[in-house]
Amino acid sequence: MLTLAREAVVDGEYDRSREYVALARRIAERNRCGLPAGFSRRTCDDCDVYLRPGKTGRVRLRPGRVVVRCRECGSTARYPFD
């Protein structure tokens, strides 16, 4: 599903990308299994779009963390690093 969402963003079809991400989350929820760690870092939690740096997401490095901002809805996610 993540591959399909990535291909949809490359083609410029953000709505189709949202549908793939939402479908993957529903499948994981229904089967009570978790999603891979990379999945949550590559998708927006608010609008479900696949975050591709430079196209749908902006990535900035701050002291001790990576800041990812969604260009579609403006939400921000911060991830720590060492």
Protein backbone atom coordinates (compact mmCIF):
# COMPACT_ATOMS: atom_id res chain seq x y z
CA MET A 1 0.00 0.00 0.00
CA LEU A 2 2.84 2.37 0.80
CA THR A 3 4.31 1.76 -2.65
CA LEU A 4 0.98 2.57 -4.29
CA ALA A 5 0.67 5.75 -2.22
CA ARG A 6 4.20 6.79 -3.23
CA GLU A 7 3.45 6.21 -6.92
CA ALA A 8 0.24 8.23 -6.65
CA VAL A 9 2.16 11.21 -5.20
CA VAL A 10 4.75 10.96 -7.97
CA ASP A 11 1.89 11.13 -10.50
CA GLY A 12 0.41 14.14 -8.68
CA GLU A 13 -2.74 12.32 -7.54
CA TYR A 14 -2.84 13.26 -3.85
CA ASP A 15 -6.43 12.13 -3.30
CA ARG A 16 -5.61 8.62 -4.48
CA SER A 17 -2.57 8.63 -2.18
CA ARG A 18 -4.81 9.55 0.76
CA GLU A 19 -7.15 6.68 -0.07
CA TYR A 20 -4.27 4.16 -0.08
CA VAL A 21 -2.89 5.40 3.25
CA ALA A 22 -6.34 5.41 4.87
CA LEU A 23 -7.02 1.91 3.53
CA ALA A 24 -3.72 0.60 4.95
CA ARG A 25 -4.55 2.10 8.35
CA ARG A 26 -8.04 0.55 8.30
CA ILE A 27 -6.65 -2.88 7.39
CA ALA A 28 -4.11 -2.71 10.24
CA GLU A 29 -6.82 -1.57 12.64
CA ARG A 30 -9.22 -4.33 11.60
CA ASN A 31 -6.57 -7.04 11.94
CA ARG A 32 -5.16 -5.57 15.16
CA CYS A 33 -1.63 -5.41 13.85
CA GLY A 34 0.72 -2.49 13.89
CA LEU A 35 2.05 -0.59 10.93
CA PRO A 36 5.78 -0.49 10.17
CA ALA A 37 7.71 2.32 11.86
CA GLY A 38 8.59 3.88 8.53
CA PHE A 39 4.94 4.08 7.56
CA SER A 40 4.05 6.60 10.24
CA ARG A 41 7.09 8.73 9.45
CA ARG A 42 6.26 8.82 5.74
CA THR A 43 2.58 9.69 6.08
CA CYS A 44 0.75 12.65 7.58
CA ASP A 45 -1.31 11.75 10.64
CA ASP A 46 -3.86 14.49 9.99
CA CYS A 47 -4.62 14.33 6.26
CA ASP A 48 -3.25 10.82 5.39
CA VAL A 49 -1.14 11.97 2.43
CA TYR A 50 2.21 10.30 1.64
CA LEU A 51 5.00 12.73 2.59
CA ARG A 52 7.53 13.06 -0.20
CA PRO A 53 10.24 15.61 0.62
CA GLY A 54 10.04 18.62 -1.65
CA LYS A 55 6.61 17.75 -3.00
CA THR A 56 4.16 17.09 -0.16
CA GLY A 57 6.47 17.40 2.82
CA ARG A 58 9.20 19.68 4.12
CA VAL A 59 12.02 18.17 6.18
CA ARG A 60 14.20 20.30 8.45
CA LEU A 61 16.93 19.32 10.88
CA ARG A 62 16.90 20.93 14.29
CA PRO A 63 19.19 20.21 17.24
CA GLY A 64 18.30 16.69 18.37
CA ARG A 65 15.25 16.22 16.12
CA VAL A 66 13.92 16.03 12.58
CA VAL A 67 10.93 18.26 11.85
CA VAL A 68 8.58 17.15 9.06
CA ARG A 69 5.84 19.54 7.94
CA CYS A 70 3.00 18.52 5.64
CA ARG A 71 2.51 20.95 2.77
CA GLU A 72 -1.10 19.87 2.28
CA CYS A 73 -2.53 20.55 5.75
CA GLY A 74 0.37 22.25 7.57
CA SER A 75 0.69 19.76 10.43
CA THR A 76 4.11 19.18 11.98
CA ALA A 77 5.74 16.00 13.28
CA ARG A 78 8.98 15.91 15.26
CA TYR A 79 11.18 12.84 15.55
CA PRO A 80 14.23 12.63 17.87
CA PHE A 81 17.62 11.44 16.72
CA ASP A 82 21.05 11.02 18.30
